[in-house]
Amino acid sequence: MELTEAFPKPLTDEVVRAADVVVTMGCGDSCPVYPGKRYLDWDVADPAGASLNIVRDVRDDVDRRVRGLLSELLHD
């Protein structure tokens, strides 16, 4: 999938039930919450309408966070 084709996907009950960790980026109270799940809400800048340099910074921030979470999960 090309980056230009990407868009935010809603968290459905089915997706949350299947997850060990649920990462949101500004989802707030509108996301389903299930006991026993780990929830992380990452404060990430909205790249919509931003300059290419800002979009790259956001991309790199998300990449670092994902890699950090994967490393943490693999070492648990």
PDB file of N, CA and C in Angstrom:
ATOM      1  N   MET A   1       0.852  -1.178   0.000  1.00  0.00           N
ATOM      2  CA  MET A   1       0.000   0.000   0.000  1.00  0.00           C
ATOM      3  C   MET A   1       0.895   1.238   0.000  1.00  0.00           C
ATOM      4  N   GLU A   2       0.558   2.180  -0.812  1.00  0.00           N
ATOM      5  CA  GLU A   2       1.262   3.452  -0.852  1.00  0.00           C
ATOM      6  C   GLU A   2       0.836   4.311   0.338  1.00  0.00           C
ATOM      7  N   LEU A   3       1.746   5.125   0.832  1.00  0.00           N
ATOM      8  CA  LEU A   3       1.440   5.993   1.961  1.00  0.00           C
ATOM      9  C   LEU A   3       0.257   6.905   1.650  1.00  0.00           C
ATOM     10  N   THR A   4       0.144   7.332   0.415  1.00  0.00           N
ATOM     11  CA  THR A   4      -0.960   8.223   0.032  1.00  0.00           C
ATOM     12  C   THR A   4      -2.311   7.529   0.115  1.00  0.00           C
ATOM     13  N   GLU A   5      -2.316   6.207   0.165  1.00  0.00           N
ATOM     14  CA  GLU A   5      -3.562   5.440   0.250  1.00  0.00           C
ATOM     15  C   GLU A   5      -3.948   5.123   1.692  1.00  0.00           C
ATOM     16  N   ALA A   6      -3.061   5.415   2.625  1.00  0.00           N
ATOM     17  CA  ALA A   6      -3.303   5.085   4.031  1.00  0.00           C
ATOM     18  C   ALA A   6      -4.279   6.069   4.662  1.00  0.00           C
ATOM     19  N   PHE A   7      -5.046   5.583   5.613  1.00  0.00           N
ATOM     20  CA  PHE A   7      -5.993   6.425   6.345  1.00  0.00           C
ATOM     21  C   PHE A   7      -6.253   5.783   7.701  1.00  0.00           C
ATOM     22  N   PRO A   8      -6.682   6.568   8.685  1.00  0.00           N
ATOM     23  CA  PRO A   8      -6.951   6.006  10.012  1.00  0.00           C
ATOM     24  C   PRO A   8      -8.082   4.968   9.954  1.00  0.00           C
ATOM     25  N   LYS A   9      -7.883   3.880  10.652  1.00  0.00           N
ATOM     26  CA  LYS A   9      -8.902   2.829  10.711  1.00  0.00           C
ATOM     27  C   LYS A   9      -9.521   2.826  12.105  1.00  0.00           C
ATOM     28  N   PRO A  10     -10.832   2.664  12.183  1.00  0.00           N
ATOM     29  CA  PRO A  10     -11.462   2.599  13.510  1.00  0.00           C
ATOM     30  C   PRO A  10     -11.090   1.296  14.214  1.00  0.00           C
ATOM     31  N   LEU A  11     -10.999   1.369  15.534  1.00  0.00           N
ATOM     32  CA  LEU A  11     -10.755   0.166  16.313  1.00  0.00           C
ATOM     33  C   LEU A  11     -12.083  -0.521  16.565  1.00  0.00           C
ATOM     34  N   THR A  12     -12.266  -1.673  15.966  1.00  0.00           N
ATOM     35  CA  THR A  12     -13.493  -2.435  16.153  1.00  0.00           C
ATOM     36  C   THR A  12     -13.346  -3.339  17.373  1.00  0.00           C
ATOM     37  N   ASP A  13     -14.453  -3.806  17.892  1.00  0.00           N
ATOM     38  CA  ASP A  13     -14.416  -4.746  19.015  1.00  0.00           C
ATOM     39  C   ASP A  13     -13.561  -5.955  18.667  1.00  0.00           C
ATOM     40  N   GLU A  14     -13.709  -6.472  17.458  1.00  0.00           N
ATOM     41  CA  GLU A  14     -12.978  -7.664  17.022  1.00  0.00           C
ATOM     42  C   GLU A  14     -11.464  -7.431  17.052  1.00  0.00           C
ATOM     43  N   VAL A  15     -11.019  -6.285  16.568  1.00  0.00           N
ATOM     44  CA  VAL A  15      -9.589  -5.969  16.543  1.00  0.00           C
ATOM     45  C   VAL A  15      -9.044  -5.838  17.960  1.00  0.00           C
ATOM     46  N   VAL A  16      -9.772  -5.144  18.830  1.00  0.00           N
ATOM     47  CA  VAL A  16      -9.303  -4.940  20.202  1.00  0.00           C
ATOM     48  C   VAL A  16      -9.279  -6.261  20.962  1.00  0.00           C
ATOM     49  N   ARG A  17     -10.266  -7.093  20.773  1.00  0.00           N
ATOM     50  CA  ARG A  17     -10.291  -8.392  21.465  1.00  0.00           C
ATOM     51  C   ARG A  17      -9.086  -9.244  21.080  1.00  0.00           C
ATOM     52  N   ALA A  18      -8.623  -9.154  19.839  1.00  0.00           N
ATOM     53  CA  ALA A  18      -7.519  -9.974  19.349  1.00  0.00           C
ATOM     54  C   ALA A  18      -6.149  -9.426  19.745  1.00  0.00           C
ATOM     55  N   ALA A  19      -6.084  -8.210  20.246  1.00  0.00           N
ATOM     56  CA  ALA A  19      -4.806  -7.553  20.522  1.00  0.00           C
ATOM     57  C   ALA A  19      -4.347  -7.746  21.961  1.00  0.00           C
ATOM     58  N   ASP A  20      -3.047  -7.779  22.146  1.00  0.00           N
ATOM     59  CA  ASP A  20      -2.465  -7.744  23.484  1.00  0.00           C
ATOM     60  C   ASP A  20      -2.232  -6.299  23.915  1.00  0.00           C
ATOM     61  N   VAL A  21      -1.803  -5.478  22.954  1.00  0.00           N
ATOM     62  CA  VAL A  21      -1.548  -4.063  23.198  1.00  0.00           C
ATOM     63  C   VAL A  21      -2.338  -3.265  22.164  1.00  0.00           C
ATOM     64  N   VAL A  22      -3.034  -2.241  22.634  1.00  0.00           N
ATOM     65  CA  VAL A  22      -3.805  -1.367  21.749  1.00  0.00           C
ATOM     66  C   VAL A  22      -3.147   0.003  21.774  1.00  0.00           C
ATOM     67  N   VAL A  23      -2.667   0.439  20.606  1.00  0.00           N
ATOM     68  CA  VAL A  23      -2.019   1.741  20.497  1.00  0.00           C
ATOM     69  C   VAL A  23      -2.957   2.673  19.746  1.00  0.00           C
ATOM     70  N   THR A  24      -3.255   3.800  20.371  1.00  0.00           N
ATOM     71  CA  THR A  24      -4.086   4.814  19.715  1.00  0.00           C
ATOM     72  C   THR A  24      -3.283   6.099  19.603  1.00  0.00           C
ATOM     73  N   MET A  25      -3.752   6.956  18.758  1.00  0.00           N
ATOM     74  CA  MET A  25      -3.110   8.254  18.566  1.00  0.00           C
ATOM     75  C   MET A  25      -4.190   9.310  18.606  1.00  0.00           C
ATOM     76  N   GLY A  26      -4.671   9.556  19.823  1.00  0.00           N
ATOM     77  CA  GLY A  26      -5.719  10.552  19.995  1.00  0.00           C
ATOM     78  C   GLY A  26      -7.123   9.989  19.921  1.00  0.00           C
ATOM     79  N   CYS A  27      -7.278   8.718  20.195  1.00  0.00           N
ATOM     80  CA  CYS A  27      -8.587   8.069  20.106  1.00  0.00           C
ATOM     81  C   CYS A  27      -9.531   8.543  21.209  1.00  0.00           C
ATOM     82  N   GLY A  28      -8.996   8.772  22.394  1.00  0.00           N
ATOM     83  CA  GLY A  28      -9.819   9.248  23.500  1.00  0.00           C
ATOM     84  C   GLY A  28     -10.829   8.225  23.971  1.00  0.00           C
ATOM     85  N   ASP A  29     -11.994   8.701  24.384  1.00  0.00           N
ATOM     86  CA  ASP A  29     -13.031   7.840  24.953  1.00  0.00           C
ATOM     87  C   ASP A  29     -13.819   7.063  23.917  1.00  0.00           C
ATOM     88  N   SER A  30     -13.576   7.300  22.631  1.00  0.00           N
ATOM     89  CA  SER A  30     -14.398   6.664  21.605  1.00  0.00           C
ATOM     90  C   SER A  30     -13.933   5.253  21.251  1.00  0.00           C
ATOM     91  N   CYS A  31     -12.838   4.784  21.819  1.00  0.00           N
ATOM     92  CA  CYS A  31     -12.327   3.455  21.502  1.00  0.00           C
ATOM     93  C   CYS A  31     -12.861   2.418  22.484  1.00  0.00           C
ATOM     94  N   PRO A  32     -13.084   1.198  21.993  1.00  0.00           N
ATOM     95  CA  PRO A  32     -13.531   0.137  22.894  1.00  0.00           C
ATOM     96  C   PRO A  32     -12.439  -0.208  23.901  1.00  0.00           C
ATOM     97  N   VAL A  33     -12.835  -0.456  25.137  1.00  0.00           N
ATOM     98  CA  VAL A  33     -11.891  -0.790  26.199  1.00  0.00           C
ATOM     99  C   VAL A  33     -12.294  -2.134  26.791  1.00  0.00           C
ATOM    100  N   TYR A  34     -11.307  -3.037  26.882  1.00  0.00           N
ATOM    101  CA  TYR A  34     -11.539  -4.354  27.442  1.00  0.00           C
ATOM    102  C   TYR A  34     -10.548  -4.592  28.580  1.00  0.00           C
ATOM    103  N   PRO A  35     -11.011  -5.181  29.659  1.00  0.00           N
ATOM    104  CA  PRO A  35     -10.111  -5.490  30.771  1.00  0.00           C
ATOM    105  C   PRO A  35      -9.003  -6.434  30.311  1.00  0.00           C
ATOM    106  N   GLY A  36      -7.826  -6.259  30.885  1.00  0.00           N
ATOM    107  CA  GLY A  36      -6.711  -7.151  30.572  1.00  0.00           C
ATOM    108  C   GLY A  36      -5.895  -6.734  29.365  1.00  0.00           C
ATOM    109  N   LYS A  37      -6.307  -5.702  28.673  1.00  0.00           N
ATOM    110  CA  LYS A  37      -5.552  -5.211  27.519  1.00  0.00           C
ATOM    111  C   LYS A  37      -4.664  -4.061  27.971  1.00  0.00           C
ATOM    112  N   ARG A  38      -3.542  -3.932  27.347  1.00  0.00           N
ATOM    113  CA  ARG A  38      -2.648  -2.798  27.624  1.00  0.00           C
ATOM    114  C   ARG A  38      -2.948  -1.722  26.591  1.00  0.00           C
ATOM    115  N   TYR A  39      -3.225  -0.528  27.071  1.00  0.00           N
ATOM    116  CA  TYR A  39      -3.560   0.597  26.193  1.00  0.00           C
ATOM    117  C   TYR A  39      -2.470   1.652  26.241  1.00  0.00           C
ATOM    118  N   LEU A  40      -2.041   2.102  25.072  1.00  0.00           N
ATOM    119  CA  LEU A  40      -1.086   3.196  24.952  1.00  0.00           C
ATOM    120  C   LEU A  40      -1.708   4.244  24.036  1.00  0.00           C
ATOM    121  N   ASP A  41      -1.739   5.482  24.488  1.00  0.00           N
ATOM    122  CA  ASP A  41      -2.215   6.568  23.630  1.00  0.00           C
ATOM    123  C   ASP A  41      -1.024   7.461  23.335  1.00  0.00           C
ATOM    124  N   TRP A  42      -0.518   7.367  22.128  1.00  0.00           N
ATOM    125  CA  TRP A  42       0.659   8.130  21.739  1.00  0.00           C
ATOM    126  C   TRP A  42       0.241   9.510  21.261  1.00  0.00           C
ATOM    127  N   ASP A  43       0.850  10.518  21.858  1.00  0.00           N
ATOM    128  CA  ASP A  43       0.616  11.903  21.462  1.00  0.00           C
ATOM    129  C   ASP A  43       1.506  12.188  20.256  1.00  0.00           C
ATOM    130  N   VAL A  44       0.925  12.059  19.072  1.00  0.00           N
ATOM    131  CA  VAL A  44       1.657  12.215  17.820  1.00  0.00           C
ATOM    132  C   VAL A  44       1.075  13.394  17.062  1.00  0.00           C
ATOM    133  N   ALA A  45       1.951  14.223  16.518  1.00  0.00           N
ATOM    134  CA  ALA A  45       1.494  15.382  15.746  1.00  0.00           C
ATOM    135  C   ALA A  45       0.692  14.927  14.529  1.00  0.00           C
ATOM    136  N   ASP A  46      -0.328  15.690  14.187  1.00  0.00           N
ATOM    137  CA  ASP A  46      -1.133  15.400  13.007  1.00  0.00           C
ATOM    138  C   ASP A  46      -0.398  15.932  11.777  1.00  0.00           C
ATOM    139  N   PRO A  47      -0.034  15.048  10.850  1.00  0.00           N
ATOM    140  CA  PRO A  47       0.725  15.493   9.690  1.00  0.00           C
ATOM    141  C   PRO A  47      -0.129  16.123   8.587  1.00  0.00           C
ATOM    142  N   ALA A  48      -1.436  16.111   8.741  1.00  0.00           N
ATOM    143  CA  ALA A  48      -2.316  16.637   7.690  1.00  0.00           C
ATOM    144  C   ALA A  48      -1.987  18.100   7.400  1.00  0.00           C
ATOM    145  N   GLY A  49      -1.665  18.372   6.150  1.00  0.00           N
ATOM    146  CA  GLY A  49      -1.390  19.732   5.721  1.00  0.00           C
ATOM    147  C   GLY A  49      -0.029  20.268   6.125  1.00  0.00           C
ATOM    148  N   ALA A  50       0.785  19.434   6.762  1.00  0.00           N
ATOM    149  CA  ALA A  50       2.107  19.876   7.231  1.00  0.00           C
ATOM    150  C   ALA A  50       3.128  19.805   6.103  1.00  0.00           C
ATOM    151  N   SER A  51       4.238  20.476   6.323  1.00  0.00           N
ATOM    152  CA  SER A  51       5.325  20.438   5.339  1.00  0.00           C
ATOM    153  C   SER A  51       5.923  19.028   5.291  1.00  0.00           C
ATOM    154  N   LEU A  52       6.631  18.749   4.229  1.00  0.00           N
ATOM    155  CA  LEU A  52       7.252  17.438   4.058  1.00  0.00           C
ATOM    156  C   LEU A  52       8.211  17.127   5.205  1.00  0.00           C
ATOM    157  N   ASN A  53       8.947  18.108   5.679  1.00  0.00           N
ATOM    158  CA  ASN A  53       9.870  17.874   6.790  1.00  0.00           C
ATOM    159  C   ASN A  53       9.132  17.485   8.063  1.00  0.00           C
ATOM    160  N   ILE A  54       8.002  18.123   8.331  1.00  0.00           N
ATOM    161  CA  ILE A  54       7.194  17.779   9.518  1.00  0.00           C
ATOM    162  C   ILE A  54       6.623  16.381   9.363  1.00  0.00           C
ATOM    163  N   VAL A  55       6.127  16.062   8.180  1.00  0.00           N
ATOM    164  CA  VAL A  55       5.580  14.717   7.939  1.00  0.00           C
ATOM    165  C   VAL A  55       6.664  13.664   8.161  1.00  0.00           C
ATOM    166  N   ARG A  56       7.851  13.935   7.699  1.00  0.00           N
ATOM    167  CA  ARG A  56       8.960  12.992   7.917  1.00  0.00           C
ATOM    168  C   ARG A  56       9.278  12.858   9.407  1.00  0.00           C
ATOM    169  N   ASP A  57       9.230  13.965  10.137  1.00  0.00           N
ATOM    170  CA  ASP A  57       9.460  13.910  11.585  1.00  0.00           C
ATOM    171  C   ASP A  57       8.408  13.048  12.275  1.00  0.00           C
ATOM    172  N   VAL A  58       7.150  13.202  11.869  1.00  0.00           N
ATOM    173  CA  VAL A  58       6.056  12.397  12.440  1.00  0.00           C
ATOM    174  C   VAL A  58       6.284  10.924  12.112  1.00  0.00           C
ATOM    175  N   ARG A  59       6.610  10.650  10.856  1.00  0.00           N
ATOM    176  CA  ARG A  59       6.873   9.267  10.434  1.00  0.00           C
ATOM    177  C   ARG A  59       7.990   8.661  11.270  1.00  0.00           C
ATOM    178  N   ASP A  60       9.074   9.406  11.452  1.00  0.00           N
ATOM    179  CA  ASP A  60      10.210   8.906  12.221  1.00  0.00           C
ATOM    180  C   ASP A  60       9.851   8.707  13.694  1.00  0.00           C
ATOM    181  N   ASP A  61       9.026   9.583  14.243  1.00  0.00           N
ATOM    182  CA  ASP A  61       8.571   9.454  15.625  1.00  0.00           C
ATOM    183  C   ASP A  61       7.767   8.165  15.797  1.00  0.00           C
ATOM    184  N   VAL A  62       6.828   7.927  14.900  1.00  0.00           N
ATOM    185  CA  VAL A  62       6.012   6.710  14.978  1.00  0.00           C
ATOM    186  C   VAL A  62       6.897   5.475  14.795  1.00  0.00           C
ATOM    187  N   ASP A  63       7.826   5.533  13.878  1.00  0.00           N
ATOM    188  CA  ASP A  63       8.740   4.416  13.645  1.00  0.00           C
ATOM    189  C   ASP A  63       9.533   4.085  14.911  1.00  0.00           C
ATOM    190  N   ARG A  64      10.077   5.103  15.581  1.00  0.00           N
ATOM    191  CA  ARG A  64      10.829   4.888  16.825  1.00  0.00           C
ATOM    192  C   ARG A  64       9.940   4.251  17.896  1.00  0.00           C
ATOM    193  N   ARG A  65       8.728   4.756  18.015  1.00  0.00           N
ATOM    194  CA  ARG A  65       7.812   4.223  19.031  1.00  0.00           C
ATOM    195  C   ARG A  65       7.455   2.767  18.748  1.00  0.00           C
ATOM    196  N   VAL A  66       7.182   2.442  17.490  1.00  0.00           N
ATOM    197  CA  VAL A  66       6.832   1.066  17.120  1.00  0.00           C
ATOM    198  C   VAL A  66       8.011   0.138  17.382  1.00  0.00           C
ATOM    199  N   ARG A  67       9.198   0.549  16.974  1.00  0.00           N
ATOM    200  CA  ARG A  67      10.387  -0.284  17.202  1.00  0.00           C
ATOM    201  C   ARG A  67      10.651  -0.470  18.704  1.00  0.00           C
ATOM    202  N   GLY A  68      10.463   0.575  19.481  1.00  0.00           N
ATOM    203  CA  GLY A  68      10.633   0.486  20.926  1.00  0.00           C
ATOM    204  C   GLY A  68       9.621  -0.468  21.547  1.00  0.00           C
ATOM    205  N   LEU A  69       8.379  -0.386  21.128  1.00  0.00           N
ATOM    206  CA  LEU A  69       7.340  -1.280  21.642  1.00  0.00           C
ATOM    207  C   LEU A  69       7.629  -2.730  21.242  1.00  0.00           C
ATOM    208  N   LEU A  70       8.018  -2.943  20.000  1.00  0.00           N
ATOM    209  CA  LEU A  70       8.348  -4.308  19.569  1.00  0.00           C
ATOM    210  C   LEU A  70       9.489  -4.877  20.379  1.00  0.00           C
ATOM    211  N   SER A  71      10.517  -4.073  20.604  1.00  0.00           N
ATOM    212  CA  SER A  71      11.657  -4.526  21.396  1.00  0.00           C
ATOM    213  C   SER A  71      11.204  -4.888  22.817  1.00  0.00           C
ATOM    214  N   GLU A  72      10.379  -4.046  23.397  1.00  0.00           N
ATOM    215  CA  GLU A  72       9.863  -4.290  24.742  1.00  0.00           C
ATOM    216  C   GLU A  72       9.045  -5.584  24.795  1.00  0.00           C
ATOM    217  N   LEU A  73       8.177  -5.775  23.803  1.00  0.00           N
ATOM    218  CA  LEU A  73       7.323  -6.954  23.784  1.00  0.00           C
ATOM    219  C   LEU A  73       8.133  -8.238  23.582  1.00  0.00           C
ATOM    220  N   LEU A  74       9.181  -8.154  22.778  1.00  0.00           N
ATOM    221  CA  LEU A  74      10.006  -9.340  22.519  1.00  0.00           C
ATOM    222  C   LEU A  74      10.853  -9.715  23.727  1.00  0.00           C
ATOM    223  N   HIS A  75      11.086  -8.771  24.623  1.00  0.00           N
ATOM    224  CA  HIS A  75      11.915  -9.041  25.801  1.00  0.00           C
ATOM    225  C   HIS A  75      11.080  -9.319  27.054  1.00  0.00           C
ATOM    226  N   ASP A  76       9.773  -9.291  26.935  1.00  0.00           N
ATOM    227  CA  ASP A  76       8.907  -9.607  28.093  1.00  0.00           C
ATOM    228  C   ASP A  76       8.775 -11.091  28.293  1.00  0.00           C
TER     229      ASP A  76
END
